[in-house]
Amino acid sequence: MSAPAVLQVALPVPLRRLFDYLPPAAGGALPAPGSRVLVPFGRRRLVGLVVGVAPASEQPEAALRAVLEVLDRSPLLRADELSLLTWSAAYYHHPLGEVLAAALPAALRQGRPAVADLPERWCLTAAGREVAADALRRAPRQYALHARLLEAGSAGLDRAAVAALPGDGAGALRGLQRRGWA
């Protein structure tokens, strides 16, 4: 049986070295370089970044601990960014783990999920695109918003565009949403 690959992890500690960890016990694909992992470090748990994968470690396999959790499905840092930060740590004689941690926002350093903060946009549902204009004749604001959403197509409208409509654009939007049209 072949020995498992060893993950080389940079941790935000004042030591100028990488730490070797076994892949998570749960199995699955190895995390790519640039991905965050949660690892045991002494009595603490730290969020580190995978810098590389080695076939073996200088430490005996019995002394290696396993990664507790892979926090990212895809790398947060691309290869060129990782290379630049590695060069920077060497040039300025600073621990790589601290340099990599400083390159990430605080929420990511703390192990929170990496989610994009996408702006809210609204568009018509399939049912909303089928609605005849006379169905909204008694709701002029919803009629105006429906017409604007039809014009916008799949791009939809953002919060500012809805707020720019005459009257209560947010109320009209809630009305269309209740009917399942937006």
C-alpha atoms as a PDB file:
ATOM      1  CA  MET A   1       0.000   0.000   0.000  1.00  0.00           C
ATOM      2  CA  SER A   2       1.449   3.395  -0.951  1.00  0.00           C
ATOM      3  CA  ALA A   3       1.907   6.117   1.629  1.00  0.00           C
ATOM      4  CA  PRO A   4      -0.620   8.958   1.410  1.00  0.00           C
ATOM      5  CA  ALA A   5       0.469  12.315   0.041  1.00  0.00           C
ATOM      6  CA  VAL A   6       1.515  14.924   2.567  1.00  0.00           C
ATOM      7  CA  LEU A   7       0.039  18.431   2.526  1.00  0.00           C
ATOM      8  CA  GLN A   8       2.478  21.271   3.139  1.00  0.00           C
ATOM      9  CA  VAL A   9       0.550  23.912   5.047  1.00  0.00           C
ATOM     10  CA  ALA A  10       1.556  27.493   5.877  1.00  0.00           C
ATOM     11  CA  LEU A  11       0.180  28.556   9.270  1.00  0.00           C
ATOM     12  CA  PRO A  12      -0.110  32.085  10.705  1.00  0.00           C
ATOM     13  CA  VAL A  13       2.588  31.551  13.326  1.00  0.00           C
ATOM     14  CA  PRO A  14       5.966  33.323  13.723  1.00  0.00           C
ATOM     15  CA  LEU A  15       7.919  30.329  12.411  1.00  0.00           C
ATOM     16  CA  ARG A  16       9.625  30.356   9.008  1.00  0.00           C
ATOM     17  CA  ARG A  17       8.631  26.876   7.908  1.00  0.00           C
ATOM     18  CA  LEU A  18       5.800  24.834   6.449  1.00  0.00           C
ATOM     19  CA  PHE A  19       4.004  22.151   8.423  1.00  0.00           C
ATOM     20  CA  ASP A  20       3.247  18.681   7.095  1.00  0.00           C
ATOM     21  CA  TYR A  21      -0.249  17.215   7.514  1.00  0.00           C
ATOM     22  CA  LEU A  22      -1.954  14.106   6.267  1.00  0.00           C
ATOM     23  CA  PRO A  23      -5.046  14.538   4.079  1.00  0.00           C
ATOM     24  CA  PRO A  24      -8.359  14.592   5.951  1.00  0.00           C
ATOM     25  CA  ALA A  25      -9.575  11.257   7.278  1.00  0.00           C
ATOM     26  CA  ALA A  26     -12.864  11.708   5.390  1.00  0.00           C
ATOM     27  CA  GLY A  27     -11.006  11.170   2.136  1.00  0.00           C
ATOM     28  CA  GLY A  28     -12.018  12.874  -1.065  1.00  0.00           C
ATOM     29  CA  ALA A  29      -9.837  14.924  -3.369  1.00  0.00           C
ATOM     30  CA  LEU A  30      -6.695  16.539  -2.024  1.00  0.00           C
ATOM     31  CA  PRO A  31      -7.036  20.298  -1.510  1.00  0.00           C
ATOM     32  CA  ALA A  32      -5.197  22.260  -4.174  1.00  0.00           C
ATOM     33  CA  PRO A  33      -2.440  24.732  -3.309  1.00  0.00           C
ATOM     34  CA  GLY A  34      -4.053  28.031  -2.332  1.00  0.00           C
ATOM     35  CA  SER A  35      -6.952  26.355  -0.472  1.00  0.00           C
ATOM     36  CA  ARG A  36      -7.630  26.885   3.220  1.00  0.00           C
ATOM     37  CA  VAL A  37      -7.621  24.002   5.680  1.00  0.00           C
ATOM     38  CA  LEU A  38      -8.409  23.723   9.377  1.00  0.00           C
ATOM     39  CA  VAL A  39      -5.611  21.890  11.196  1.00  0.00           C
ATOM     40  CA  PRO A  40      -4.706  20.951  14.758  1.00  0.00           C
ATOM     41  CA  PHE A  41      -1.684  22.888  16.017  1.00  0.00           C
ATOM     42  CA  GLY A  42      -0.724  22.080  19.572  1.00  0.00           C
ATOM     43  CA  ARG A  43      -3.896  22.534  21.602  1.00  0.00           C
ATOM     44  CA  ARG A  44      -5.352  24.995  19.098  1.00  0.00           C
ATOM     45  CA  ARG A  45      -7.014  24.735  15.737  1.00  0.00           C
ATOM     46  CA  LEU A  46      -5.638  27.050  13.064  1.00  0.00           C
ATOM     47  CA  VAL A  47      -6.682  28.002   9.568  1.00  0.00           C
ATOM     48  CA  GLY A  48      -3.776  27.519   7.172  1.00  0.00           C
ATOM     49  CA  LEU A  49      -3.181  27.577   3.454  1.00  0.00           C
ATOM     50  CA  VAL A  50      -2.022  24.581   1.474  1.00  0.00           C
ATOM     51  CA  VAL A  51       1.187  25.566  -0.312  1.00  0.00           C
ATOM     52  CA  GLY A  52       2.088  22.233  -1.834  1.00  0.00           C
ATOM     53  CA  VAL A  53       1.672  18.473  -1.842  1.00  0.00           C
ATOM     54  CA  ALA A  54       4.679  16.216  -1.260  1.00  0.00           C
ATOM     55  CA  PRO A  55       4.976  12.453  -1.704  1.00  0.00           C
ATOM     56  CA  ALA A  56       6.471  12.073   1.788  1.00  0.00           C
ATOM     57  CA  SER A  57       7.523  13.990   4.877  1.00  0.00           C
ATOM     58  CA  GLU A  58      10.807  14.218   6.732  1.00  0.00           C
ATOM     59  CA  GLN A  59       8.801  13.454   9.881  1.00  0.00           C
ATOM     60  CA  PRO A  60       7.730   9.874  10.600  1.00  0.00           C
ATOM     61  CA  GLU A  61       4.209   9.216   9.380  1.00  0.00           C
ATOM     62  CA  ALA A  62       3.087   8.328  12.923  1.00  0.00           C
ATOM     63  CA  ALA A  63       3.983  11.864  14.064  1.00  0.00           C
ATOM     64  CA  LEU A  64       1.853  13.547  11.380  1.00  0.00           C
ATOM     65  CA  ARG A  65      -1.645  14.715  12.182  1.00  0.00           C
ATOM     66  CA  ALA A  66      -4.518  14.832   9.716  1.00  0.00           C
ATOM     67  CA  VAL A  67      -6.217  17.942   8.400  1.00  0.00           C
ATOM     68  CA  LEU A  68      -9.495  18.407  10.282  1.00  0.00           C
ATOM     69  CA  GLU A  69     -11.421  20.062   7.479  1.00  0.00           C
ATOM     70  CA  VAL A  70     -10.897  21.417   3.969  1.00  0.00           C
ATOM     71  CA  LEU A  71     -12.542  24.844   3.959  1.00  0.00           C
ATOM     72  CA  ASP A  72     -12.481  25.594   0.220  1.00  0.00           C
ATOM     73  CA  ARG A  73     -13.562  23.503  -2.765  1.00  0.00           C
ATOM     74  CA  SER A  74     -11.386  25.580  -5.068  1.00  0.00           C
ATOM     75  CA  PRO A  75      -8.256  27.582  -4.226  1.00  0.00           C
ATOM     76  CA  LEU A  76      -8.664  31.120  -2.928  1.00  0.00           C
ATOM     77  CA  LEU A  77      -5.216  32.082  -4.191  1.00  0.00           C
ATOM     78  CA  ARG A  78      -4.119  31.351  -7.764  1.00  0.00           C
ATOM     79  CA  ALA A  79      -0.659  29.944  -8.490  1.00  0.00           C
ATOM     80  CA  ASP A  80       0.718  33.345  -9.562  1.00  0.00           C
ATOM     81  CA  GLU A  81      -0.607  35.015  -6.388  1.00  0.00           C
ATOM     82  CA  LEU A  82       0.839  32.240  -4.237  1.00  0.00           C
ATOM     83  CA  SER A  83       4.166  32.610  -6.022  1.00  0.00           C
ATOM     84  CA  LEU A  84       4.223  36.386  -5.471  1.00  0.00           C
ATOM     85  CA  LEU A  85       3.398  36.032  -1.777  1.00  0.00           C
ATOM     86  CA  THR A  86       6.046  33.318  -1.356  1.00  0.00           C
ATOM     87  CA  TRP A  87       8.627  35.578  -3.003  1.00  0.00           C
ATOM     88  CA  SER A  88       7.510  38.486  -0.814  1.00  0.00           C
ATOM     89  CA  ALA A  89       7.898  36.437   2.385  1.00  0.00           C
ATOM     90  CA  ALA A  90      11.404  35.388   1.370  1.00  0.00           C
ATOM     91  CA  TYR A  91      12.431  38.895   0.269  1.00  0.00           C
ATOM     92  CA  TYR A  92      11.222  40.537   3.485  1.00  0.00           C
ATOM     93  CA  HIS A  93      12.387  37.646   5.724  1.00  0.00           C
ATOM     94  CA  HIS A  94       8.908  37.127   7.155  1.00  0.00           C
ATOM     95  CA  PRO A  95       7.120  33.831   7.915  1.00  0.00           C
ATOM     96  CA  LEU A  96       5.156  32.641   4.892  1.00  0.00           C
ATOM     97  CA  GLY A  97       2.116  31.699   6.974  1.00  0.00           C
ATOM     98  CA  GLU A  98       1.804  35.239   8.337  1.00  0.00           C
ATOM     99  CA  VAL A  99       2.251  36.781   4.876  1.00  0.00           C
ATOM    100  CA  LEU A 100      -0.442  34.518   3.386  1.00  0.00           C
ATOM    101  CA  ALA A 101      -2.796  35.220   6.286  1.00  0.00           C
ATOM    102  CA  ALA A 102      -2.300  38.976   5.860  1.00  0.00           C
ATOM    103  CA  ALA A 103      -3.291  38.648   2.191  1.00  0.00           C
ATOM    104  CA  LEU A 104      -6.751  37.344   3.155  1.00  0.00           C
ATOM    105  CA  PRO A 105      -9.694  39.293   4.598  1.00  0.00           C
ATOM    106  CA  ALA A 106     -10.278  38.774   8.325  1.00  0.00           C
ATOM    107  CA  ALA A 107     -13.380  36.617   7.804  1.00  0.00           C
ATOM    108  CA  LEU A 108     -11.426  34.158   5.649  1.00  0.00           C
ATOM    109  CA  ARG A 109      -8.529  34.087   8.139  1.00  0.00           C
ATOM    110  CA  GLN A 110     -11.049  33.041  10.805  1.00  0.00           C
ATOM    111  CA  GLY A 111     -12.311  30.137   8.698  1.00  0.00           C
ATOM    112  CA  ARG A 112     -15.627  31.607   7.599  1.00  0.00           C
ATOM    113  CA  PRO A 113     -16.953  30.474   4.222  1.00  0.00           C
ATOM    114  CA  ALA A 114     -15.753  32.275   1.125  1.00  0.00           C
ATOM    115  CA  VAL A 115     -18.949  33.549  -0.463  1.00  0.00           C
ATOM    116  CA  ALA A 116     -19.280  36.241  -3.053  1.00  0.00           C
ATOM    117  CA  ASP A 117     -21.355  39.192  -1.958  1.00  0.00           C
ATOM    118  CA  LEU A 118     -23.425  39.466  -5.111  1.00  0.00           C
ATOM    119  CA  PRO A 119     -25.751  42.432  -5.590  1.00  0.00           C
ATOM    120  CA  GLU A 120     -29.462  41.716  -5.475  1.00  0.00           C
ATOM    121  CA  ARG A 121     -31.098  41.683  -8.888  1.00  0.00           C
ATOM    122  CA  TRP A 122     -34.688  40.927  -9.748  1.00  0.00           C
ATOM    123  CA  CYS A 123     -36.112  39.544 -12.961  1.00  0.00           C
ATOM    124  CA  LEU A 124     -39.378  38.005 -14.064  1.00  0.00           C
ATOM    125  CA  THR A 125     -40.024  34.318 -13.581  1.00  0.00           C
ATOM    126  CA  ALA A 126     -41.327  32.220 -16.465  1.00  0.00           C
ATOM    127  CA  ALA A 127     -44.862  32.761 -15.124  1.00  0.00           C
ATOM    128  CA  GLY A 128     -44.203  36.509 -14.885  1.00  0.00           C
ATOM    129  CA  ARG A 129     -43.165  36.703 -18.519  1.00  0.00           C
ATOM    130  CA  GLU A 130     -46.453  35.019 -19.545  1.00  0.00           C
ATOM    131  CA  VAL A 131     -48.668  37.521 -17.679  1.00  0.00           C
ATOM    132  CA  ALA A 132     -50.876  39.663 -19.897  1.00  0.00           C
ATOM    133  CA  ALA A 133     -50.611  43.418 -19.306  1.00  0.00           C
ATOM    134  CA  ASP A 134     -54.354  43.731 -18.493  1.00  0.00           C
ATOM    135  CA  ALA A 135     -53.852  41.421 -15.475  1.00  0.00           C
ATOM    136  CA  LEU A 136     -52.111  44.345 -13.760  1.00  0.00           C
ATOM    137  CA  ARG A 137     -54.454  47.173 -14.834  1.00  0.00           C
ATOM    138  CA  ARG A 138     -55.646  47.695 -11.243  1.00  0.00           C
ATOM    139  CA  ALA A 139     -52.054  47.856  -9.908  1.00  0.00           C
ATOM    140  CA  PRO A 140     -50.279  50.666 -11.804  1.00  0.00           C
ATOM    141  CA  ARG A 141     -46.979  50.418  -9.886  1.00  0.00           C
ATOM    142  CA  GLN A 142     -46.793  46.671 -10.438  1.00  0.00           C
ATOM    143  CA  TYR A 143     -47.669  47.260 -14.084  1.00  0.00           C
ATOM    144  CA  ALA A 144     -44.795  49.783 -14.446  1.00  0.00           C
ATOM    145  CA  LEU A 145     -42.333  47.480 -12.672  1.00  0.00           C
ATOM    146  CA  HIS A 146     -43.498  44.498 -14.748  1.00  0.00           C
ATOM    147  CA  ALA A 147     -42.902  46.496 -17.943  1.00  0.00           C
ATOM    148  CA  ARG A 148     -39.388  47.524 -16.768  1.00  0.00           C
ATOM    149  CA  LEU A 149     -38.554  43.920 -15.838  1.00  0.00           C
ATOM    150  CA  LEU A 150     -39.747  42.750 -19.267  1.00  0.00           C
ATOM    151  CA  GLU A 151     -37.438  45.332 -20.894  1.00  0.00           C
ATOM    152  CA  ALA A 152     -34.497  44.302 -18.707  1.00  0.00           C
ATOM    153  CA  GLY A 153     -34.876  40.629 -19.638  1.00  0.00           C
ATOM    154  CA  SER A 154     -32.559  38.150 -17.915  1.00  0.00           C
ATOM    155  CA  ALA A 155     -30.216  40.957 -16.721  1.00  0.00           C
ATOM    156  CA  GLY A 156     -32.934  42.082 -14.316  1.00  0.00           C
ATOM    157  CA  LEU A 157     -32.995  45.247 -12.238  1.00  0.00           C
ATOM    158  CA  ASP A 158     -30.925  46.146  -9.208  1.00  0.00           C
ATOM    159  CA  ARG A 159     -32.116  47.877  -6.012  1.00  0.00           C
ATOM    160  CA  ALA A 160     -31.390  51.378  -7.368  1.00  0.00           C
ATOM    161  CA  ALA A 161     -33.443  50.797 -10.531  1.00  0.00           C
ATOM    162  CA  VAL A 162     -36.414  49.549  -8.497  1.00  0.00           C
ATOM    163  CA  ALA A 163     -36.119  52.504  -6.103  1.00  0.00           C
ATOM    164  CA  ALA A 164     -36.032  54.934  -9.074  1.00  0.00           C
ATOM    165  CA  LEU A 165     -39.508  53.876 -10.173  1.00  0.00           C
ATOM    166  CA  PRO A 166     -42.278  56.353  -9.327  1.00  0.00           C
ATOM    167  CA  GLY A 167     -44.117  55.514  -6.108  1.00  0.00           C
ATOM    168  CA  ASP A 168     -43.322  52.515  -3.961  1.00  0.00           C
ATOM    169  CA  GLY A 169     -41.124  50.333  -6.192  1.00  0.00           C
ATOM    170  CA  ALA A 170     -40.271  47.988  -3.301  1.00  0.00           C
ATOM    171  CA  GLY A 171     -43.968  47.465  -2.549  1.00  0.00           C
ATOM    172  CA  ALA A 172     -44.676  46.729  -6.215  1.00  0.00           C
ATOM    173  CA  LEU A 173     -41.812  44.231  -6.213  1.00  0.00           C
ATOM    174  CA  ARG A 174     -43.229  42.484  -3.142  1.00  0.00           C
ATOM    175  CA  GLY A 175     -46.581  42.258  -4.919  1.00  0.00           C
ATOM    176  CA  LEU A 176     -45.012  40.619  -7.973  1.00  0.00           C
ATOM    177  CA  GLN A 177     -43.037  38.255  -5.741  1.00  0.00           C
ATOM    178  CA  ARG A 178     -46.181  37.197  -3.819  1.00  0.00           C
ATOM    179  CA  ARG A 179     -47.774  36.235  -7.111  1.00  0.00           C
ATOM    180  CA  GLY A 180     -44.660  34.290  -8.135  1.00  0.00           C
ATOM    181  CA  TRP A 181     -43.973  36.592 -11.082  1.00  0.00           C
ATOM    182  CA  ALA A 182     -40.629  38.088  -9.938  1.00  0.00           C
END
